[in-house]
N, C-alpha and C. Protein backbone atom coordinates (compact mmCIF):
# COMPACT_ATOMS: atom_id res chain seq x y z
N MET A 1 26.05 -1.05 -16.16
CA MET A 1 25.14 -0.30 -15.33
C MET A 1 23.84 -1.10 -15.16
N LEU A 2 23.41 -1.22 -13.92
CA LEU A 2 22.15 -1.92 -13.64
C LEU A 2 20.95 -1.04 -13.98
N MET A 3 21.02 0.22 -13.52
CA MET A 3 19.90 1.14 -13.68
C MET A 3 20.41 2.54 -13.41
N ALA A 4 19.70 3.55 -13.92
CA ALA A 4 20.04 4.95 -13.64
C ALA A 4 18.78 5.69 -13.23
N LEU A 5 18.91 6.47 -12.16
CA LEU A 5 17.85 7.36 -11.70
C LEU A 5 18.35 8.77 -11.98
N GLY A 6 17.80 9.40 -13.00
CA GLY A 6 18.37 10.67 -13.46
C GLY A 6 19.78 10.39 -13.94
N MET A 7 20.74 11.13 -13.41
CA MET A 7 22.14 10.92 -13.78
C MET A 7 22.88 10.05 -12.76
N PHE A 8 22.15 9.48 -11.79
CA PHE A 8 22.78 8.62 -10.78
C PHE A 8 22.75 7.17 -11.25
N PRO A 9 23.91 6.57 -11.54
CA PRO A 9 23.93 5.17 -11.98
C PRO A 9 24.04 4.21 -10.80
N PHE A 10 23.24 3.17 -10.83
CA PHE A 10 23.38 2.08 -9.85
C PHE A 10 24.33 1.07 -10.47
N ASP A 11 25.55 1.04 -9.98
CA ASP A 11 26.57 0.18 -10.54
C ASP A 11 27.81 0.28 -9.65
N LEU A 12 28.68 -0.68 -9.74
CA LEU A 12 29.97 -0.57 -9.08
C LEU A 12 30.82 0.36 -9.93
N PRO A 13 31.60 1.24 -9.40
CA PRO A 13 31.98 1.37 -8.00
C PRO A 13 31.10 2.30 -7.19
N LEU A 14 29.99 2.80 -7.72
CA LEU A 14 29.15 3.72 -6.96
C LEU A 14 28.28 2.98 -5.96
N LEU A 15 27.18 2.43 -6.44
CA LEU A 15 26.23 1.74 -5.56
C LEU A 15 25.44 0.76 -6.41
N ALA A 16 25.52 -0.50 -6.07
CA ALA A 16 24.79 -1.54 -6.81
C ALA A 16 23.73 -2.15 -5.90
N TYR A 17 22.53 -2.34 -6.44
CA TYR A 17 21.48 -2.98 -5.64
C TYR A 17 21.51 -4.48 -5.89
N GLU A 18 20.97 -5.23 -4.93
CA GLU A 18 20.92 -6.68 -5.03
C GLU A 18 19.51 -7.18 -5.29
N GLU A 19 18.52 -6.33 -4.99
CA GLU A 19 17.13 -6.74 -5.15
C GLU A 19 16.30 -5.57 -5.63
N LEU A 20 15.43 -5.84 -6.59
CA LEU A 20 14.48 -4.86 -7.09
C LEU A 20 13.09 -5.44 -6.93
N GLN A 21 12.21 -4.68 -6.29
CA GLN A 21 10.83 -5.11 -6.12
C GLN A 21 9.93 -4.01 -6.68
N ARG A 22 8.98 -4.39 -7.54
CA ARG A 22 8.07 -3.42 -8.14
C ARG A 22 6.64 -3.82 -7.83
N ARG A 23 5.82 -2.80 -7.51
CA ARG A 23 4.41 -3.03 -7.25
C ARG A 23 3.61 -1.97 -8.03
N THR A 24 2.65 -2.44 -8.81
CA THR A 24 1.79 -1.55 -9.58
C THR A 24 0.35 -1.81 -9.16
N ASP A 25 -0.38 -0.73 -8.87
CA ASP A 25 -1.79 -0.82 -8.47
C ASP A 25 -2.68 -0.18 -9.54
N TRP A 26 -3.93 -0.65 -9.60
CA TRP A 26 -4.95 -0.06 -10.44
C TRP A 26 -6.16 0.22 -9.57
N ARG A 27 -6.81 1.35 -9.81
CA ARG A 27 -7.93 1.77 -8.96
C ARG A 27 -9.26 1.31 -9.55
N HIS A 28 -10.12 0.85 -8.66
CA HIS A 28 -11.48 0.44 -9.01
C HIS A 28 -12.41 1.02 -7.95
N ALA A 29 -13.33 1.89 -8.37
CA ALA A 29 -14.33 2.43 -7.45
C ALA A 29 -15.37 1.33 -7.18
N ARG A 30 -15.89 1.32 -5.96
CA ARG A 30 -16.85 0.29 -5.57
C ARG A 30 -18.15 0.93 -5.11
N ASN A 31 -19.24 0.30 -5.49
CA ASN A 31 -20.58 0.68 -5.01
C ASN A 31 -21.22 -0.57 -4.43
N PRO A 32 -21.64 -0.50 -3.17
CA PRO A 32 -22.26 -1.68 -2.57
C PRO A 32 -23.63 -1.97 -3.17
N ARG A 33 -23.94 -3.28 -3.24
CA ARG A 33 -25.24 -3.73 -3.74
C ARG A 33 -25.79 -4.73 -2.73
N ILE A 34 -27.08 -4.72 -2.58
CA ILE A 34 -27.73 -5.64 -1.66
C ILE A 34 -27.82 -7.01 -2.31
N GLY A 35 -27.34 -8.02 -1.61
CA GLY A 35 -27.45 -9.39 -2.07
C GLY A 35 -26.49 -9.76 -3.19
N ALA A 36 -25.54 -8.91 -3.49
CA ALA A 36 -24.59 -9.20 -4.57
C ALA A 36 -23.24 -8.55 -4.23
N ARG A 37 -22.26 -8.95 -4.96
CA ARG A 37 -20.94 -8.32 -4.77
C ARG A 37 -21.01 -6.86 -5.17
N ASP A 38 -20.09 -6.08 -4.67
CA ASP A 38 -20.02 -4.66 -5.02
C ASP A 38 -19.86 -4.49 -6.51
N ALA A 39 -20.50 -3.46 -7.05
CA ALA A 39 -20.28 -3.08 -8.45
C ALA A 39 -18.95 -2.31 -8.48
N THR A 40 -18.16 -2.54 -9.50
CA THR A 40 -16.87 -1.86 -9.60
C THR A 40 -16.75 -1.15 -10.94
N GLN A 41 -15.94 -0.10 -10.91
CA GLN A 41 -15.65 0.64 -12.14
C GLN A 41 -14.17 1.00 -12.12
N PHE A 42 -13.49 0.68 -13.20
CA PHE A 42 -12.07 1.01 -13.32
C PHE A 42 -11.94 2.52 -13.43
N THR A 43 -11.12 3.12 -12.53
CA THR A 43 -10.97 4.58 -12.52
C THR A 43 -9.57 5.03 -12.91
N GLY A 44 -8.69 4.10 -13.23
CA GLY A 44 -7.38 4.50 -13.72
C GLY A 44 -6.24 3.84 -12.97
N PRO A 45 -5.03 4.19 -13.38
CA PRO A 45 -3.85 3.61 -12.72
C PRO A 45 -3.68 4.15 -11.31
N GLY A 46 -3.17 3.31 -10.45
CA GLY A 46 -2.86 3.71 -9.08
C GLY A 46 -1.37 3.92 -8.93
N ASP A 47 -0.84 3.61 -7.76
CA ASP A 47 0.58 3.79 -7.50
C ASP A 47 1.42 2.77 -8.24
N ASP A 48 2.60 3.21 -8.64
CA ASP A 48 3.61 2.34 -9.23
C ASP A 48 4.87 2.60 -8.41
N THR A 49 5.27 1.62 -7.61
CA THR A 49 6.41 1.81 -6.72
C THR A 49 7.51 0.80 -7.02
N ILE A 50 8.73 1.24 -6.80
CA ILE A 50 9.89 0.37 -6.95
C ILE A 50 10.73 0.50 -5.69
N SER A 51 11.16 -0.64 -5.15
CA SER A 51 12.06 -0.67 -4.00
C SER A 51 13.35 -1.36 -4.42
N LEU A 52 14.45 -0.69 -4.16
CA LEU A 52 15.78 -1.25 -4.42
C LEU A 52 16.47 -1.46 -3.09
N SER A 53 17.14 -2.59 -2.94
CA SER A 53 17.89 -2.83 -1.71
C SER A 53 19.20 -3.52 -2.04
N GLY A 54 20.17 -3.31 -1.18
CA GLY A 54 21.47 -3.93 -1.40
C GLY A 54 22.42 -3.60 -0.28
N THR A 55 23.67 -3.93 -0.50
CA THR A 55 24.73 -3.72 0.48
C THR A 55 25.91 -3.07 -0.21
N ALA A 56 26.42 -2.03 0.43
CA ALA A 56 27.62 -1.34 -0.07
C ALA A 56 28.78 -1.70 0.86
N TYR A 57 29.84 -2.23 0.30
CA TYR A 57 31.03 -2.58 1.06
C TYR A 57 32.11 -1.54 0.80
N ALA A 58 32.77 -1.07 1.86
CA ALA A 58 33.77 -0.02 1.74
C ALA A 58 34.91 -0.42 0.82
N GLU A 59 35.23 -1.71 0.72
CA GLU A 59 36.32 -2.16 -0.14
C GLU A 59 36.00 -1.99 -1.61
N LEU A 60 34.70 -1.91 -1.96
CA LEU A 60 34.28 -1.86 -3.35
C LEU A 60 33.79 -0.49 -3.79
N CYS A 61 33.20 0.28 -2.89
CA CYS A 61 32.63 1.57 -3.28
C CYS A 61 32.53 2.50 -2.08
N ASP A 62 32.27 3.75 -2.35
CA ASP A 62 32.04 4.72 -1.29
C ASP A 62 30.54 4.86 -1.09
N GLY A 63 29.98 3.93 -0.34
CA GLY A 63 28.54 3.90 -0.12
C GLY A 63 28.02 5.14 0.55
N GLN A 64 28.78 5.71 1.47
CA GLN A 64 28.32 6.91 2.17
C GLN A 64 28.15 8.07 1.20
N ALA A 65 29.08 8.25 0.28
CA ALA A 65 28.98 9.34 -0.70
C ALA A 65 27.81 9.11 -1.64
N SER A 66 27.60 7.88 -2.07
CA SER A 66 26.50 7.57 -2.97
C SER A 66 25.15 7.81 -2.30
N LEU A 67 25.03 7.38 -1.04
CA LEU A 67 23.78 7.58 -0.33
C LEU A 67 23.54 9.06 -0.04
N ALA A 68 24.62 9.81 0.20
CA ALA A 68 24.48 11.26 0.39
C ALA A 68 23.96 11.92 -0.88
N GLU A 69 24.41 11.46 -2.04
CA GLU A 69 23.93 12.00 -3.31
C GLU A 69 22.44 11.68 -3.50
N LEU A 70 22.02 10.47 -3.15
CA LEU A 70 20.61 10.11 -3.25
C LEU A 70 19.77 10.96 -2.29
N ARG A 71 20.29 11.25 -1.10
CA ARG A 71 19.58 12.13 -0.16
C ARG A 71 19.44 13.54 -0.74
N ARG A 72 20.50 14.02 -1.39
CA ARG A 72 20.45 15.34 -2.01
C ARG A 72 19.38 15.37 -3.10
N MET A 73 19.31 14.31 -3.89
CA MET A 73 18.30 14.22 -4.94
C MET A 73 16.89 14.21 -4.33
N ALA A 74 16.71 13.46 -3.24
CA ALA A 74 15.41 13.39 -2.58
C ALA A 74 15.04 14.74 -1.98
N ASP A 75 16.00 15.44 -1.39
CA ASP A 75 15.76 16.76 -0.80
C ASP A 75 15.27 17.76 -1.85
N ALA A 76 15.70 17.59 -3.09
CA ALA A 76 15.29 18.50 -4.16
C ALA A 76 13.81 18.32 -4.50
N GLY A 77 13.23 17.16 -4.18
CA GLY A 77 11.82 16.91 -4.43
C GLY A 77 11.47 16.75 -5.90
N GLU A 78 12.46 16.56 -6.73
CA GLU A 78 12.22 16.46 -8.17
C GLU A 78 11.95 15.02 -8.59
N ALA A 79 11.35 14.88 -9.76
CA ALA A 79 11.16 13.57 -10.36
C ALA A 79 12.33 13.28 -11.29
N TRP A 80 12.76 12.03 -11.30
CA TRP A 80 13.91 11.62 -12.10
C TRP A 80 13.52 10.47 -13.00
N SER A 81 14.02 10.47 -14.22
CA SER A 81 13.77 9.36 -15.14
C SER A 81 14.48 8.12 -14.63
N LEU A 82 13.80 6.98 -14.72
CA LEU A 82 14.37 5.71 -14.30
C LEU A 82 14.50 4.82 -15.53
N VAL A 83 15.74 4.41 -15.83
CA VAL A 83 16.05 3.62 -17.01
C VAL A 83 16.95 2.48 -16.59
N ASP A 84 16.67 1.25 -17.05
CA ASP A 84 17.55 0.14 -16.69
C ASP A 84 18.67 -0.02 -17.71
N GLY A 85 19.58 -0.92 -17.43
CA GLY A 85 20.76 -1.11 -18.26
C GLY A 85 20.46 -1.61 -19.67
N ALA A 86 19.28 -2.20 -19.87
CA ALA A 86 18.88 -2.68 -21.20
C ALA A 86 18.19 -1.58 -22.00
N GLY A 87 18.04 -0.40 -21.40
CA GLY A 87 17.41 0.72 -22.09
C GLY A 87 15.92 0.86 -21.88
N ARG A 88 15.32 0.00 -21.03
CA ARG A 88 13.88 0.11 -20.75
C ARG A 88 13.63 1.35 -19.89
N ILE A 89 12.66 2.15 -20.30
CA ILE A 89 12.30 3.36 -19.56
C ILE A 89 11.11 3.04 -18.67
N TYR A 90 11.28 3.23 -17.37
CA TYR A 90 10.22 2.94 -16.41
C TYR A 90 9.30 4.14 -16.19
N GLY A 91 9.79 5.35 -16.44
CA GLY A 91 9.00 6.56 -16.24
C GLY A 91 9.72 7.50 -15.29
N ALA A 92 8.97 8.49 -14.80
CA ALA A 92 9.51 9.49 -13.88
C ALA A 92 9.19 9.07 -12.44
N PHE A 93 10.21 9.09 -11.59
CA PHE A 93 10.06 8.65 -10.20
C PHE A 93 10.62 9.67 -9.23
N VAL A 94 9.97 9.77 -8.08
CA VAL A 94 10.50 10.57 -6.97
C VAL A 94 10.99 9.60 -5.89
N ILE A 95 11.93 10.04 -5.09
CA ILE A 95 12.44 9.24 -3.98
C ILE A 95 11.54 9.52 -2.78
N THR A 96 10.94 8.47 -2.23
CA THR A 96 10.05 8.64 -1.07
C THR A 96 10.69 8.20 0.24
N ALA A 97 11.71 7.34 0.19
CA ALA A 97 12.36 6.89 1.42
C ALA A 97 13.74 6.32 1.10
N LEU A 98 14.64 6.49 2.05
CA LEU A 98 15.98 5.92 1.96
C LEU A 98 16.35 5.38 3.33
N ASP A 99 16.61 4.10 3.42
CA ASP A 99 16.99 3.46 4.68
C ASP A 99 18.46 3.07 4.63
N GLU A 100 19.15 3.23 5.76
CA GLU A 100 20.55 2.81 5.88
C GLU A 100 20.74 2.04 7.17
N LYS A 101 21.58 1.03 7.10
CA LYS A 101 21.96 0.29 8.30
C LYS A 101 23.46 0.08 8.22
N HIS A 102 24.21 0.76 9.09
CA HIS A 102 25.67 0.68 9.09
C HIS A 102 26.12 -0.46 10.00
N LYS A 103 27.13 -1.21 9.53
CA LYS A 103 27.65 -2.35 10.29
C LYS A 103 29.17 -2.41 10.15
N ILE A 104 29.80 -3.08 11.07
CA ILE A 104 31.24 -3.38 11.06
C ILE A 104 32.04 -2.08 10.87
N PHE A 105 32.45 -1.48 11.97
CA PHE A 105 33.07 -0.16 11.95
C PHE A 105 34.58 -0.20 12.14
N LEU A 106 35.25 0.75 11.51
CA LEU A 106 36.66 1.00 11.78
C LEU A 106 36.77 1.82 13.05
N ALA A 107 37.97 2.02 13.54
CA ALA A 107 38.19 2.75 14.79
C ALA A 107 37.66 4.18 14.74
N ASP A 108 37.64 4.79 13.55
CA ASP A 108 37.16 6.17 13.43
C ASP A 108 35.65 6.25 13.18
N GLY A 109 34.95 5.12 13.20
CA GLY A 109 33.51 5.11 13.00
C GLY A 109 33.07 4.89 11.56
N THR A 110 34.01 4.74 10.65
CA THR A 110 33.67 4.50 9.25
C THR A 110 33.10 3.09 9.11
N PRO A 111 31.90 2.96 8.52
CA PRO A 111 31.33 1.62 8.36
C PRO A 111 31.97 0.89 7.18
N LEU A 112 32.23 -0.39 7.37
CA LEU A 112 32.74 -1.21 6.29
C LEU A 112 31.60 -1.81 5.47
N ARG A 113 30.40 -1.80 6.04
CA ARG A 113 29.23 -2.36 5.36
C ARG A 113 28.03 -1.46 5.63
N ILE A 114 27.31 -1.14 4.56
CA ILE A 114 26.07 -0.37 4.69
C ILE A 114 24.98 -1.10 3.91
N ASP A 115 23.96 -1.54 4.63
CA ASP A 115 22.78 -2.11 3.98
C ASP A 115 21.84 -0.94 3.70
N PHE A 116 21.27 -0.90 2.50
CA PHE A 116 20.42 0.23 2.14
C PHE A 116 19.14 -0.24 1.47
N GLY A 117 18.14 0.62 1.54
CA GLY A 117 16.88 0.41 0.86
C GLY A 117 16.40 1.75 0.32
N LEU A 118 15.93 1.76 -0.91
CA LEU A 118 15.48 2.98 -1.57
C LEU A 118 14.09 2.74 -2.12
N ASP A 119 13.13 3.62 -1.77
CA ASP A 119 11.76 3.52 -2.26
C ASP A 119 11.49 4.64 -3.25
N LEU A 120 10.93 4.26 -4.40
CA LEU A 120 10.63 5.21 -5.47
C LEU A 120 9.14 5.14 -5.80
N LEU A 121 8.57 6.29 -6.17
CA LEU A 121 7.15 6.38 -6.53
C LEU A 121 7.05 7.04 -7.90
N ARG A 122 6.34 6.38 -8.83
CA ARG A 122 6.16 6.95 -10.16
C ARG A 122 5.20 8.12 -10.09
N VAL A 123 5.54 9.18 -10.83
CA VAL A 123 4.72 10.37 -10.89
C VAL A 123 4.42 10.68 -12.35
N ASP A 124 3.58 11.67 -12.59
CA ASP A 124 3.27 12.08 -13.95
C ASP A 124 4.54 12.50 -14.67
N GLU A 125 4.62 12.21 -15.96
CA GLU A 125 5.82 12.47 -16.76
C GLU A 125 6.21 13.93 -16.77
N GLU A 126 5.24 14.87 -16.70
CA GLU A 126 5.59 16.29 -16.78
C GLU A 126 6.38 16.78 -15.59
N ARG A 127 6.45 16.01 -14.49
CA ARG A 127 7.27 16.40 -13.34
C ARG A 127 8.74 16.15 -13.57
N ALA A 128 9.09 15.27 -14.52
CA ALA A 128 10.48 14.91 -14.76
C ALA A 128 11.22 16.03 -15.47
């Protein structure tokens, strides 16, 4: 298993990502000063976001079913614990966006390839 969001595992045969990008911000309040740089004060942690992207191939997994489950989780508006395969706990995250790009279709419209992107936002632990 690469990672789990709540009880949803990112792994074959479900859905495996190919790229993980994380961005963490910290907030600093600014006060302008004449003739000098702004004075700053650390006000706390800012956003912590994770983006996962990859490709689901119909021969390997049911990407449509996995993405439908992620949409159901996002529709619930709940925060989910994010844990990687090594046991590192990232915290509680909500799903903020899910992108899909379907390619190479069978005669009935079933895609053989789905490129996907998932955006997660860390929230306070009590929401999980």
